[in-house]
Amino acid sequence: MANKRPLLPGVSAAANAPAVIVQSRKVIRRARIRAILRDIFDVLLLVAVDWFFIRWPRAHVPLLDRHESVLVLLGVNVALLSYVCLARAVPRWRARRVASTWSFTERARFFTPPRR
């Protein structure tokens, strides 16, 4: 059984390198820049609303007094900042969890820098 015949004549057991059709580095870089700009805009908007609330003591949410409005604003601050942090961390954690199931050769191929 040491000498196995291939199923099809002319088929080699050596694997061919996949042909690169699309260079996704530019697309990924553009998406990351867009996400960073969106996060910066969200945080700047949050800072502007906070500044407005601090500078104008009569500002409040309708049907709430000043103290309750500040508590609502604090909750929105915490929610937005946690969203910004988790939107970046959760996909990274999921990718690591998926990558932990890969074989050593798949990890080496994925994590080695590309040849130019």
PDB file of N, CA and C in Angstrom:
ATOM      1  N   MET A   1       0.803  -1.190   0.000  1.00  0.00           N
ATOM      2  CA  MET A   1       0.000   0.000   0.000  1.00  0.00           C
ATOM      3  C   MET A   1       0.849   1.258   0.000  1.00  0.00           C
ATOM      4  N   ALA A   2       2.165   1.121  -0.004  1.00  0.00           N
ATOM      5  CA  ALA A   2       3.039   2.292   0.010  1.00  0.00           C
ATOM      6  C   ALA A   2       2.931   3.069  -1.294  1.00  0.00           C
ATOM      7  N   ASN A   3       2.643   2.411  -2.385  1.00  0.00           N
ATOM      8  CA  ASN A   3       2.588   3.069  -3.678  1.00  0.00           C
ATOM      9  C   ASN A   3       1.113   3.263  -4.069  1.00  0.00           C
ATOM     10  N   LYS A   4       0.558   4.428  -3.718  1.00  0.00           N
ATOM     11  CA  LYS A   4      -0.837   4.721  -4.052  1.00  0.00           C
ATOM     12  C   LYS A   4      -0.905   5.444  -5.385  1.00  0.00           C
ATOM     13  N   ARG A   5      -1.848   5.072  -6.166  1.00  0.00           N
ATOM     14  CA  ARG A   5      -2.040   5.756  -7.445  1.00  0.00           C
ATOM     15  C   ARG A   5      -3.001   6.924  -7.227  1.00  0.00           C
ATOM     16  N   PRO A   6      -2.752   8.044  -7.901  1.00  0.00           N
ATOM     17  CA  PRO A   6      -3.688   9.173  -7.770  1.00  0.00           C
ATOM     18  C   PRO A   6      -5.019   8.836  -8.434  1.00  0.00           C
ATOM     19  N   LEU A   7      -6.042   9.536  -7.996  1.00  0.00           N
ATOM     20  CA  LEU A   7      -7.363   9.296  -8.581  1.00  0.00           C
ATOM     21  C   LEU A   7      -7.421   9.736 -10.037  1.00  0.00           C
ATOM     22  N   LEU A   8      -6.759  10.823 -10.335  1.00  0.00           N
ATOM     23  CA  LEU A   8      -6.754  11.334 -11.705  1.00  0.00           C
ATOM     24  C   LEU A   8      -5.323  11.378 -12.215  1.00  0.00           C
ATOM     25  N   PRO A   9      -5.095  11.017 -13.444  1.00  0.00           N
ATOM     26  CA  PRO A   9      -3.731  11.095 -13.967  1.00  0.00           C
ATOM     27  C   PRO A   9      -3.295  12.556 -14.117  1.00  0.00           C
ATOM     28  N   GLY A  10      -2.054  12.847 -13.761  1.00  0.00           N
ATOM     29  CA  GLY A  10      -1.510  14.196 -13.890  1.00  0.00           C
ATOM     30  C   GLY A  10      -1.773  15.092 -12.699  1.00  0.00           C
ATOM     31  N   VAL A  11      -2.440  14.602 -11.666  1.00  0.00           N
ATOM     32  CA  VAL A  11      -2.722  15.406 -10.472  1.00  0.00           C
ATOM     33  C   VAL A  11      -1.556  15.248  -9.513  1.00  0.00           C
ATOM     34  N   SER A  12      -1.047  16.360  -9.048  1.00  0.00           N
ATOM     35  CA  SER A  12       0.091  16.353  -8.133  1.00  0.00           C
ATOM     36  C   SER A  12      -0.402  16.516  -6.699  1.00  0.00           C
ATOM     37  N   ALA A  13       0.325  15.924  -5.773  1.00  0.00           N
ATOM     38  CA  ALA A  13      -0.031  16.051  -4.364  1.00  0.00           C
ATOM     39  C   ALA A  13       0.458  17.368  -3.780  1.00  0.00           C
ATOM     40  N   ALA A  14       1.386  18.037  -4.457  1.00  0.00           N
ATOM     41  CA  ALA A  14       1.896  19.323  -3.958  1.00  0.00           C
ATOM     42  C   ALA A  14       0.815  20.394  -4.119  1.00  0.00           C
ATOM     43  N   ALA A  15       0.679  21.217  -3.098  1.00  0.00           N
ATOM     44  CA  ALA A  15      -0.336  22.268  -3.124  1.00  0.00           C
ATOM     45  C   ALA A  15       0.178  23.482  -3.882  1.00  0.00           C
ATOM     46  N   ASN A  16      -0.695  24.081  -4.657  1.00  0.00           N
ATOM     47  CA  ASN A  16      -0.347  25.305  -5.370  1.00  0.00           C
ATOM     48  C   ASN A  16      -0.700  26.514  -4.516  1.00  0.00           C
ATOM     49  N   ALA A  17       0.104  27.557  -4.610  1.00  0.00           N
ATOM     50  CA  ALA A  17      -0.199  28.788  -3.898  1.00  0.00           C
ATOM     51  C   ALA A  17      -1.403  29.451  -4.551  1.00  0.00           C
ATOM     52  N   PRO A  18      -2.326  29.988  -3.739  1.00  0.00           N
ATOM     53  CA  PRO A  18      -3.503  30.626  -4.326  1.00  0.00           C
ATOM     54  C   PRO A  18      -3.123  31.904  -5.075  1.00  0.00           C
ATOM     55  N   ALA A  19      -3.802  32.150  -6.153  1.00  0.00           N
ATOM     56  CA  ALA A  19      -3.551  33.368  -6.930  1.00  0.00           C
ATOM     57  C   ALA A  19      -4.258  34.538  -6.254  1.00  0.00           C
ATOM     58  N   VAL A  20      -3.548  35.642  -6.093  1.00  0.00           N
ATOM     59  CA  VAL A  20      -4.109  36.826  -5.460  1.00  0.00           C
ATOM     60  C   VAL A  20      -4.906  37.595  -6.509  1.00  0.00           C
ATOM     61  N   ILE A  21      -6.178  37.782  -6.240  1.00  0.00           N
ATOM     62  CA  ILE A  21      -7.042  38.474  -7.186  1.00  0.00           C
ATOM     63  C   ILE A  21      -7.274  39.918  -6.734  1.00  0.00           C
ATOM     64  N   VAL A  22      -7.505  40.108  -5.453  1.00  0.00           N
ATOM     65  CA  VAL A  22      -7.809  41.431  -4.910  1.00  0.00           C
ATOM     66  C   VAL A  22      -6.823  41.743  -3.802  1.00  0.00           C
ATOM     67  N   GLN A  23      -6.239  42.934  -3.860  1.00  0.00           N
ATOM     68  CA  GLN A  23      -5.401  43.414  -2.762  1.00  0.00           C
ATOM     69  C   GLN A  23      -6.307  44.171  -1.801  1.00  0.00           C
ATOM     70  N   SER A  24      -6.534  43.606  -0.639  1.00  0.00           N
ATOM     71  CA  SER A  24      -7.511  44.191   0.280  1.00  0.00           C
ATOM     72  C   SER A  24      -6.890  45.156   1.272  1.00  0.00           C
ATOM     73  N   ARG A  25      -5.613  45.379   1.217  1.00  0.00           N
ATOM     74  CA  ARG A  25      -4.985  46.274   2.198  1.00  0.00           C
ATOM     75  C   ARG A  25      -5.546  47.685   2.120  1.00  0.00           C
ATOM     76  N   LYS A  26      -5.738  48.204   0.909  1.00  0.00           N
ATOM     77  CA  LYS A  26      -6.268  49.557   0.764  1.00  0.00           C
ATOM     78  C   LYS A  26      -7.690  49.648   1.302  1.00  0.00           C
ATOM     79  N   VAL A  27      -8.483  48.637   1.024  1.00  0.00           N
ATOM     80  CA  VAL A  27      -9.872  48.635   1.485  1.00  0.00           C
ATOM     81  C   VAL A  27      -9.922  48.565   3.008  1.00  0.00           C
ATOM     82  N   ILE A  28      -9.097  47.716   3.594  1.00  0.00           N
ATOM     83  CA  ILE A  28      -9.068  47.590   5.050  1.00  0.00           C
ATOM     84  C   ILE A  28      -8.573  48.878   5.686  1.00  0.00           C
ATOM     85  N   ARG A  29      -7.529  49.466   5.126  1.00  0.00           N
ATOM     86  CA  ARG A  29      -7.003  50.721   5.670  1.00  0.00           C
ATOM     87  C   ARG A  29      -8.059  51.819   5.604  1.00  0.00           C
ATOM     88  N   ARG A  30      -8.765  51.921   4.479  1.00  0.00           N
ATOM     89  CA  ARG A  30      -9.807  52.938   4.329  1.00  0.00           C
ATOM     90  C   ARG A  30     -10.936  52.711   5.336  1.00  0.00           C
ATOM     91  N   ALA A  31     -11.323  51.458   5.554  1.00  0.00           N
ATOM     92  CA  ALA A  31     -12.393  51.161   6.521  1.00  0.00           C
ATOM     93  C   ALA A  31     -11.950  51.491   7.943  1.00  0.00           C
ATOM     94  N   ARG A  32     -10.692  51.209   8.267  1.00  0.00           N
ATOM     95  CA  ARG A  32     -10.200  51.543   9.607  1.00  0.00           C
ATOM     96  C   ARG A  32     -10.159  53.049   9.822  1.00  0.00           C
ATOM     97  N   ILE A  33      -9.725  53.796   8.810  1.00  0.00           N
ATOM     98  CA  ILE A  33      -9.684  55.257   8.933  1.00  0.00           C
ATOM     99  C   ILE A  33     -11.099  55.810   9.088  1.00  0.00           C
ATOM    100  N   ARG A  34     -12.050  55.275   8.303  1.00  0.00           N
ATOM    101  CA  ARG A  34     -13.435  55.716   8.433  1.00  0.00           C
ATOM    102  C   ARG A  34     -13.986  55.428   9.827  1.00  0.00           C
ATOM    103  N   ALA A  35     -13.666  54.268  10.381  1.00  0.00           N
ATOM    104  CA  ALA A  35     -14.143  53.916  11.719  1.00  0.00           C
ATOM    105  C   ALA A  35     -13.525  54.823  12.775  1.00  0.00           C
ATOM    106  N   ILE A  36     -12.240  55.128  12.625  1.00  0.00           N
ATOM    107  CA  ILE A  36     -11.583  56.028  13.585  1.00  0.00           C
ATOM    108  C   ILE A  36     -12.189  57.419  13.505  1.00  0.00           C
ATOM    109  N   LEU A  37     -12.435  57.918  12.297  1.00  0.00           N
ATOM    110  CA  LEU A  37     -13.053  59.234  12.144  1.00  0.00           C
ATOM    111  C   LEU A  37     -14.467  59.263  12.733  1.00  0.00           C
ATOM    112  N   ARG A  38     -15.217  58.187  12.544  1.00  0.00           N
ATOM    113  CA  ARG A  38     -16.557  58.113  13.125  1.00  0.00           C
ATOM    114  C   ARG A  38     -16.494  58.122  14.650  1.00  0.00           C
ATOM    115  N   ASP A  39     -15.546  57.388  15.216  1.00  0.00           N
ATOM    116  CA  ASP A  39     -15.391  57.382  16.671  1.00  0.00           C
ATOM    117  C   ASP A  39     -14.981  58.756  17.188  1.00  0.00           C
ATOM    118  N   ILE A  40     -14.071  59.427  16.483  1.00  0.00           N
ATOM    119  CA  ILE A  40     -13.652  60.766  16.901  1.00  0.00           C
ATOM    120  C   ILE A  40     -14.843  61.719  16.845  1.00  0.00           C
ATOM    121  N   PHE A  41     -15.649  61.632  15.794  1.00  0.00           N
ATOM    122  CA  PHE A  41     -16.828  62.487  15.696  1.00  0.00           C
ATOM    123  C   PHE A  41     -17.796  62.209  16.845  1.00  0.00           C
ATOM    124  N   ASP A  42     -18.028  60.942  17.169  1.00  0.00           N
ATOM    125  CA  ASP A  42     -18.933  60.606  18.275  1.00  0.00           C
ATOM    126  C   ASP A  42     -18.435  61.179  19.597  1.00  0.00           C
ATOM    127  N   VAL A  43     -17.147  61.040  19.858  1.00  0.00           N
ATOM    128  CA  VAL A  43     -16.594  61.534  21.122  1.00  0.00           C
ATOM    129  C   VAL A  43     -16.623  63.066  21.150  1.00  0.00           C
ATOM    130  N   LEU A  44     -16.322  63.722  20.027  1.00  0.00           N
ATOM    131  CA  LEU A  44     -16.387  65.187  19.986  1.00  0.00           C
ATOM    132  C   LEU A  44     -17.819  65.686  20.189  1.00  0.00           C
ATOM    133  N   LEU A  45     -18.787  64.991  19.620  1.00  0.00           N
ATOM    134  CA  LEU A  45     -20.181  65.357  19.839  1.00  0.00           C
ATOM    135  C   LEU A  45     -20.556  65.185  21.301  1.00  0.00           C
ATOM    136  N   LEU A  46     -20.088  64.129  21.910  1.00  0.00           N
ATOM    137  CA  LEU A  46     -20.347  63.904  23.328  1.00  0.00           C
ATOM    138  C   LEU A  46     -19.716  64.996  24.180  1.00  0.00           C
ATOM    139  N   VAL A  47     -18.488  65.385  23.856  1.00  0.00           N
ATOM    140  CA  VAL A  47     -17.813  66.455  24.593  1.00  0.00           C
ATOM    141  C   VAL A  47     -18.561  67.776  24.414  1.00  0.00           C
ATOM    142  N   ALA A  48     -19.073  68.033  23.218  1.00  0.00           N
ATOM    143  CA  ALA A  48     -19.822  69.269  22.973  1.00  0.00           C
ATOM    144  C   ALA A  48     -21.107  69.312  23.802  1.00  0.00           C
ATOM    145  N   VAL A  49     -21.805  68.201  23.881  1.00  0.00           N
ATOM    146  CA  VAL A  49     -23.030  68.157  24.688  1.00  0.00           C
ATOM    147  C   VAL A  49     -22.689  68.316  26.163  1.00  0.00           C
ATOM    148  N   ASP A  50     -21.624  67.673  26.614  1.00  0.00           N
ATOM    149  CA  ASP A  50     -21.195  67.833  28.009  1.00  0.00           C
ATOM    150  C   ASP A  50     -20.830  69.286  28.302  1.00  0.00           C
ATOM    151  N   TRP A  51     -20.097  69.913  27.385  1.00  0.00           N
ATOM    152  CA  TRP A  51     -19.704  71.309  27.571  1.00  0.00           C
ATOM    153  C   TRP A  51     -20.941  72.204  27.649  1.00  0.00           C
ATOM    154  N   PHE A  52     -21.933  71.929  26.795  1.00  0.00           N
ATOM    155  CA  PHE A  52     -23.180  72.685  26.812  1.00  0.00           C
ATOM    156  C   PHE A  52     -23.881  72.541  28.156  1.00  0.00           C
ATOM    157  N   PHE A  53     -23.929  71.324  28.672  1.00  0.00           N
ATOM    158  CA  PHE A  53     -24.592  71.095  29.953  1.00  0.00           C
ATOM    159  C   PHE A  53     -23.855  71.780  31.092  1.00  0.00           C
ATOM    160  N   ILE A  54     -22.534  71.786  31.043  1.00  0.00           N
ATOM    161  CA  ILE A  54     -21.752  72.409  32.119  1.00  0.00           C
ATOM    162  C   ILE A  54     -21.879  73.928  32.075  1.00  0.00           C
ATOM    163  N   ARG A  55     -21.814  74.500  30.881  1.00  0.00           N
ATOM    164  CA  ARG A  55     -21.809  75.953  30.734  1.00  0.00           C
ATOM    165  C   ARG A  55     -23.183  76.586  30.944  1.00  0.00           C
ATOM    166  N   TRP A  56     -24.242  75.872  30.687  1.00  0.00           N
ATOM    167  CA  TRP A  56     -25.583  76.436  30.803  1.00  0.00           C
ATOM    168  C   TRP A  56     -26.334  75.689  31.906  1.00  0.00           C
ATOM    169  N   PRO A  57     -26.428  76.288  33.086  1.00  0.00           N
ATOM    170  CA  PRO A  57     -27.006  75.574  34.234  1.00  0.00           C
ATOM    171  C   PRO A  57     -28.510  75.295  34.102  1.00  0.00           C
ATOM    172  N   ARG A  58     -29.202  75.977  33.209  1.00  0.00           N
ATOM    173  CA  ARG A  58     -30.635  75.738  33.059  1.00  0.00           C
ATOM    174  C   ARG A  58     -30.936  74.627  32.060  1.00  0.00           C
ATOM    175  N   ALA A  59     -29.913  74.051  31.459  1.00  0.00           N
ATOM    176  CA  ALA A  59     -30.131  72.967  30.499  1.00  0.00           C
ATOM    177  C   ALA A  59     -30.597  71.712  31.233  1.00  0.00           C
ATOM    178  N   HIS A  60     -31.609  71.078  30.687  1.00  0.00           N
ATOM    179  CA  HIS A  60     -32.116  69.832  31.267  1.00  0.00           C
ATOM    180  C   HIS A  60     -32.908  69.078  30.211  1.00  0.00           C
ATOM    181  N   VAL A  61     -33.133  67.807  30.464  1.00  0.00           N
ATOM    182  CA  VAL A  61     -33.965  66.973  29.605  1.00  0.00           C
ATOM    183  C   VAL A  61     -35.423  67.299  29.951  1.00  0.00           C
ATOM    184  N   PRO A  62     -36.293  67.461  28.938  1.00  0.00           N
ATOM    185  CA  PRO A  62     -37.699  67.758  29.252  1.00  0.00           C
ATOM    186  C   PRO A  62     -38.300  66.695  30.178  1.00  0.00           C
ATOM    187  N   LEU A  63     -39.107  67.156  31.104  1.00  0.00           N
ATOM    188  CA  LEU A  63     -39.789  66.342  32.117  1.00  0.00           C
ATOM    189  C   LEU A  63     -38.846  65.814  33.201  1.00  0.00           C
ATOM    190  N   LEU A  64     -37.578  66.244  33.187  1.00  0.00           N
ATOM    191  CA  LEU A  64     -36.632  65.871  34.235  1.00  0.00           C
ATOM    192  C   LEU A  64     -36.018  67.139  34.810  1.00  0.00           C
ATOM    193  N   ASP A  65     -35.634  67.076  36.083  1.00  0.00           N
ATOM    194  CA  ASP A  65     -34.948  68.245  36.642  1.00  0.00           C
ATOM    195  C   ASP A  65     -33.457  68.170  36.312  1.00  0.00           C
ATOM    196  N   ARG A  66     -32.704  69.146  36.782  1.00  0.00           N
ATOM    197  CA  ARG A  66     -31.285  69.255  36.426  1.00  0.00           C
ATOM    198  C   ARG A  66     -30.493  68.029  36.903  1.00  0.00           C
ATOM    199  N   HIS A  67     -30.703  67.599  38.123  1.00  0.00           N
ATOM    200  CA  HIS A  67     -29.956  66.463  38.680  1.00  0.00           C
ATOM    201  C   HIS A  67     -30.230  65.180  37.873  1.00  0.00           C
ATOM    202  N   GLU A  68     -31.475  64.905  37.573  1.00  0.00           N
ATOM    203  CA  GLU A  68     -31.814  63.712  36.792  1.00  0.00           C
ATOM    204  C   GLU A  68     -31.262  63.807  35.369  1.00  0.00           C
ATOM    205  N   SER A  69     -31.249  65.027  34.816  1.00  0.00           N
ATOM    206  CA  SER A  69     -30.690  65.219  33.473  1.00  0.00           C
ATOM    207  C   SER A  69     -29.201  64.936  33.444  1.00  0.00           C
ATOM    208  N   VAL A  70     -28.489  65.351  34.487  1.00  0.00           N
ATOM    209  CA  VAL A  70     -27.051  65.066  34.557  1.00  0.00           C
ATOM    210  C   VAL A  70     -26.822  63.559  34.676  1.00  0.00           C
ATOM    211  N   LEU A  71     -27.670  62.867  35.421  1.00  0.00           N
ATOM    212  CA  LEU A  71     -27.548  61.412  35.536  1.00  0.00           C
ATOM    213  C   LEU A  71     -27.804  60.732  34.187  1.00  0.00           C
ATOM    214  N   VAL A  72     -28.790  61.230  33.431  1.00  0.00           N
ATOM    215  CA  VAL A  72     -29.054  60.683  32.093  1.00  0.00           C
ATOM    216  C   VAL A  72     -27.844  60.935  31.198  1.00  0.00           C
ATOM    217  N   LEU A  73     -27.285  62.143  31.264  1.00  0.00           N
ATOM    218  CA  LEU A  73     -26.105  62.466  30.463  1.00  0.00           C
ATOM    219  C   LEU A  73     -24.919  61.588  30.856  1.00  0.00           C
ATOM    220  N   LEU A  74     -24.745  61.334  32.127  1.00  0.00           N
ATOM    221  CA  LEU A  74     -23.673  60.445  32.577  1.00  0.00           C
ATOM    222  C   LEU A  74     -23.881  59.032  32.026  1.00  0.00           C
ATOM    223  N   GLY A  75     -25.119  58.549  32.032  1.00  0.00           N
ATOM    224  CA  GLY A  75     -25.410  57.229  31.467  1.00  0.00           C
ATOM    225  C   GLY A  75     -25.116  57.166  29.971  1.00  0.00           C
ATOM    226  N   VAL A  76     -25.457  58.244  29.248  1.00  0.00           N
ATOM    227  CA  VAL A  76     -25.174  58.282  27.811  1.00  0.00           C
ATOM    228  C   VAL A  76     -23.657  58.298  27.583  1.00  0.00           C
ATOM    229  N   ASN A  77     -22.925  59.048  28.423  1.00  0.00           N
ATOM    230  CA  ASN A  77     -21.458  59.072  28.309  1.00  0.00           C
ATOM    231  C   ASN A  77     -20.869  57.676  28.489  1.00  0.00           C
ATOM    232  N   VAL A  78     -21.306  56.982  29.513  1.00  0.00           N
ATOM    233  CA  VAL A  78     -20.792  55.638  29.781  1.00  0.00           C
ATOM    234  C   VAL A  78     -21.160  54.689  28.640  1.00  0.00           C
ATOM    235  N   ALA A  79     -22.394  54.784  28.160  1.00  0.00           N
ATOM    236  CA  ALA A  79     -22.834  53.896  27.077  1.00  0.00           C
ATOM    237  C   ALA A  79     -22.030  54.145  25.801  1.00  0.00           C
ATOM    238  N   LEU A  80     -21.820  55.400  25.432  1.00  0.00           N
ATOM    239  CA  LEU A  80     -21.101  55.687  24.199  1.00  0.00           C
ATOM    240  C   LEU A  80     -19.627  55.304  24.303  1.00  0.00           C
ATOM    241  N   LEU A  81     -18.999  55.609  25.414  1.00  0.00           N
ATOM    242  CA  LEU A  81     -17.583  55.254  25.565  1.00  0.00           C
ATOM    243  C   LEU A  81     -17.383  53.743  25.614  1.00  0.00           C
ATOM    244  N   SER A  82     -18.302  53.027  26.256  1.00  0.00           N
ATOM    245  CA  SER A  82     -18.177  51.568  26.269  1.00  0.00           C
ATOM    246  C   SER A  82     -18.439  50.995  24.876  1.00  0.00           C
ATOM    247  N   TYR A  83     -19.356  51.594  24.115  1.00  0.00           N
ATOM    248  CA  TYR A  83     -19.593  51.137  22.749  1.00  0.00           C
ATOM    249  C   TYR A  83     -18.350  51.330  21.885  1.00  0.00           C
ATOM    250  N   VAL A  84     -17.704  52.486  22.010  1.00  0.00           N
ATOM    251  CA  VAL A  84     -16.504  52.759  21.214  1.00  0.00           C
ATOM    252  C   VAL A  84     -15.414  51.738  21.540  1.00  0.00           C
ATOM    253  N   CYS A  85     -15.251  51.445  22.821  1.00  0.00           N
ATOM    254  CA  CYS A  85     -14.216  50.473  23.213  1.00  0.00           C
ATOM    255  C   CYS A  85     -14.580  49.046  22.781  1.00  0.00           C
ATOM    256  N   LEU A  86     -15.814  48.646  23.013  1.00  0.00           N
ATOM    257  CA  LEU A  86     -16.216  47.276  22.687  1.00  0.00           C
ATOM    258  C   LEU A  86     -16.323  47.033  21.186  1.00  0.00           C
ATOM    259  N   ALA A  87     -16.623  48.066  20.415  1.00  0.00           N
ATOM    260  CA  ALA A  87     -16.692  47.900  18.962  1.00  0.00           C
ATOM    261  C   ALA A  87     -15.338  47.555  18.377  1.00  0.00           C
ATOM    262  N   ARG A  88     -14.272  47.891  19.062  1.00  0.00           N
ATOM    263  CA  ARG A  88     -12.928  47.547  18.610  1.00  0.00           C
ATOM    264  C   ARG A  88     -12.429  46.255  19.248  1.00  0.00           C
ATOM    265  N   ALA A  89     -12.827  45.987  20.471  1.00  0.00           N
ATOM    266  CA  ALA A  89     -12.282  44.843  21.199  1.00  0.00           C
ATOM    267  C   ALA A  89     -12.979  43.517  20.861  1.00  0.00           C
ATOM    268  N   VAL A  90     -14.293  43.521  20.736  1.00  0.00           N
ATOM    269  CA  VAL A  90     -15.032  42.272  20.535  1.00  0.00           C
ATOM    270  C   VAL A  90     -14.633  41.568  19.231  1.00  0.00           C
ATOM    271  N   PRO A  91     -14.538  42.263  18.087  1.00  0.00           N
ATOM    272  CA  PRO A  91     -14.090  41.543  16.882  1.00  0.00           C
ATOM    273  C   PRO A  91     -12.684  40.964  17.021  1.00  0.00           C
ATOM    274  N   ARG A  92     -11.810  41.657  17.723  1.00  0.00           N
ATOM    275  CA  ARG A  92     -10.459  41.134  17.938  1.00  0.00           C
ATOM    276  C   ARG A  92     -10.504  39.872  18.789  1.00  0.00           C
ATOM    277  N   TRP A  93     -11.346  39.868  19.836  1.00  0.00           N
ATOM    278  CA  TRP A  93     -11.482  38.687  20.687  1.00  0.00           C
ATOM    279  C   TRP A  93     -12.065  37.509  19.897  1.00  0.00           C
ATOM    280  N   ARG A  94     -13.062  37.780  19.056  1.00  0.00           N
ATOM    281  CA  ARG A  94     -13.661  36.710  18.269  1.00  0.00           C
ATOM    282  C   ARG A  94     -12.667  36.134  17.263  1.00  0.00           C
ATOM    283  N   ALA A  95     -11.871  37.006  16.654  1.00  0.00           N
ATOM    284  CA  ALA A  95     -10.872  36.525  15.695  1.00  0.00           C
ATOM    285  C   ALA A  95      -9.831  35.660  16.394  1.00  0.00           C
ATOM    286  N   ARG A  96      -9.445  36.042  17.590  1.00  0.00           N
ATOM    287  CA  ARG A  96      -8.480  35.211  18.334  1.00  0.00           C
ATOM    288  C   ARG A  96      -9.084  33.868  18.696  1.00  0.00           C
ATOM    289  N   ARG A  97     -10.352  33.858  19.050  1.00  0.00           N
ATOM    290  CA  ARG A  97     -11.002  32.593  19.399  1.00  0.00           C
ATOM    291  C   ARG A  97     -11.082  31.673  18.192  1.00  0.00           C
ATOM    292  N   VAL A  98     -11.396  32.225  17.032  1.00  0.00           N
ATOM    293  CA  VAL A  98     -11.447  31.419  15.815  1.00  0.00           C
ATOM    294  C   VAL A  98     -10.045  30.956  15.439  1.00  0.00           C
ATOM    295  N   ALA A  99      -9.060  31.846  15.544  1.00  0.00           N
ATOM    296  CA  ALA A  99      -7.693  31.498  15.168  1.00  0.00           C
ATOM    297  C   ALA A  99      -7.110  30.428  16.088  1.00  0.00           C
ATOM    298  N   SER A 100      -7.633  30.303  17.287  1.00  0.00           N
ATOM    299  CA  SER A 100      -7.107  29.285  18.197  1.00  0.00           C
ATOM    300  C   SER A 100      -7.442  27.876  17.710  1.00  0.00           C
ATOM    301  N   THR A 101      -8.395  27.725  16.813  1.00  0.00           N
ATOM    302  CA  THR A 101      -8.747  26.410  16.289  1.00  0.00           C
ATOM    303  C   THR A 101      -7.933  26.040  15.054  1.00  0.00           C
ATOM    304  N   TRP A 102      -7.129  26.970  14.545  1.00  0.00           N
ATOM    305  CA  TRP A 102      -6.346  26.702  13.347  1.00  0.00           C
ATOM    306  C   TRP A 102      -5.157  25.813  13.649  1.00  0.00           C
ATOM    307  N   SER A 103      -4.689  25.149  12.629  1.00  0.00           N
ATOM    308  CA  SER A 103      -3.481  24.332  12.784  1.00  0.00           C
ATOM    309  C   SER A 103      -2.261  25.258  12.782  1.00  0.00           C
ATOM    310  N   PHE A 104      -1.116  24.695  13.123  1.00  0.00           N
ATOM    311  CA  PHE A 104       0.105  25.492  13.200  1.00  0.00           C
ATOM    312  C   PHE A 104       0.471  26.089  11.842  1.00  0.00           C
ATOM    313  N   THR A 105       0.297  25.325  10.765  1.00  0.00           N
ATOM    314  CA  THR A 105       0.659  25.844   9.445  1.00  0.00           C
ATOM    315  C   THR A 105      -0.276  26.973   9.009  1.00  0.00           C
ATOM    316  N   GLU A 106      -1.572  26.873   9.363  1.00  0.00           N
ATOM    317  CA  GLU A 106      -2.483  27.975   9.041  1.00  0.00           C
ATOM    318  C   GLU A 106      -2.112  29.228   9.807  1.00  0.00           C
ATOM    319  N   ARG A 107      -1.772  29.092  11.075  1.00  0.00           N
ATOM    320  CA  ARG A 107      -1.358  30.251  11.863  1.00  0.00           C
ATOM    321  C   ARG A 107      -0.092  30.870  11.298  1.00  0.00           C
ATOM    322  N   ALA A 108       0.870  30.051  10.931  1.00  0.00           N
ATOM    323  CA  ALA A 108       2.130  30.574  10.402  1.00  0.00           C
ATOM    324  C   ALA A 108       1.891  31.314   9.084  1.00  0.00           C
ATOM    325  N   ARG A 109       1.028  30.780   8.244  1.00  0.00           N
ATOM    326  CA  ARG A 109       0.745  31.443   6.969  1.00  0.00           C
ATOM    327  C   ARG A 109       0.009  32.760   7.175  1.00  0.00           C
ATOM    328  N   PHE A 110      -0.867  32.805   8.165  1.00  0.00           N
ATOM    329  CA  PHE A 110      -1.659  34.004   8.388  1.00  0.00           C
ATOM    330  C   PHE A 110      -0.852  35.097   9.094  1.00  0.00           C
ATOM    331  N   PHE A 111      -0.011  34.710  10.041  1.00  0.00           N
ATOM    332  CA  PHE A 111       0.669  35.709  10.862  1.00  0.00           C
ATOM    333  C   PHE A 111       2.050  36.100  10.359  1.00  0.00           C
ATOM    334  N   THR A 112       2.559  35.452   9.333  1.00  0.00           N
ATOM    335  CA  THR A 112       3.844  35.879   8.784  1.00  0.00           C
ATOM    336  C   THR A 112       3.614  37.062   7.857  1.00  0.00           C
ATOM    337  N   PRO A 113       4.534  38.030   7.845  1.00  0.00           N
ATOM    338  CA  PRO A 113       4.338  39.189   6.968  1.00  0.00           C
ATOM    339  C   PRO A 113       4.403  38.773   5.505  1.00  0.00           C
ATOM    340  N   PRO A 114       3.622  39.426   4.647  1.00  0.00           N
ATOM    341  CA  PRO A 114       3.602  39.054   3.222  1.00  0.00           C
ATOM    342  C   PRO A 114       4.905  39.420   2.541  1.00  0.00           C
ATOM    343  N   ARG A 115       5.259  38.642   1.548  1.00  0.00           N
ATOM    344  CA  ARG A 115       6.465  38.921   0.757  1.00  0.00           C
ATOM    345  C   ARG A 115       6.130  39.972  -0.284  1.00  0.00           C
ATOM    346  N   ARG A 116       7.064  40.839  -0.517  1.00  0.00           N
ATOM    347  CA  ARG A 116       6.816  41.906  -1.510  1.00  0.00           C
ATOM    348  C   ARG A 116       7.584  41.652  -2.751  1.00  0.00           C
TER     349      ARG A 116
END
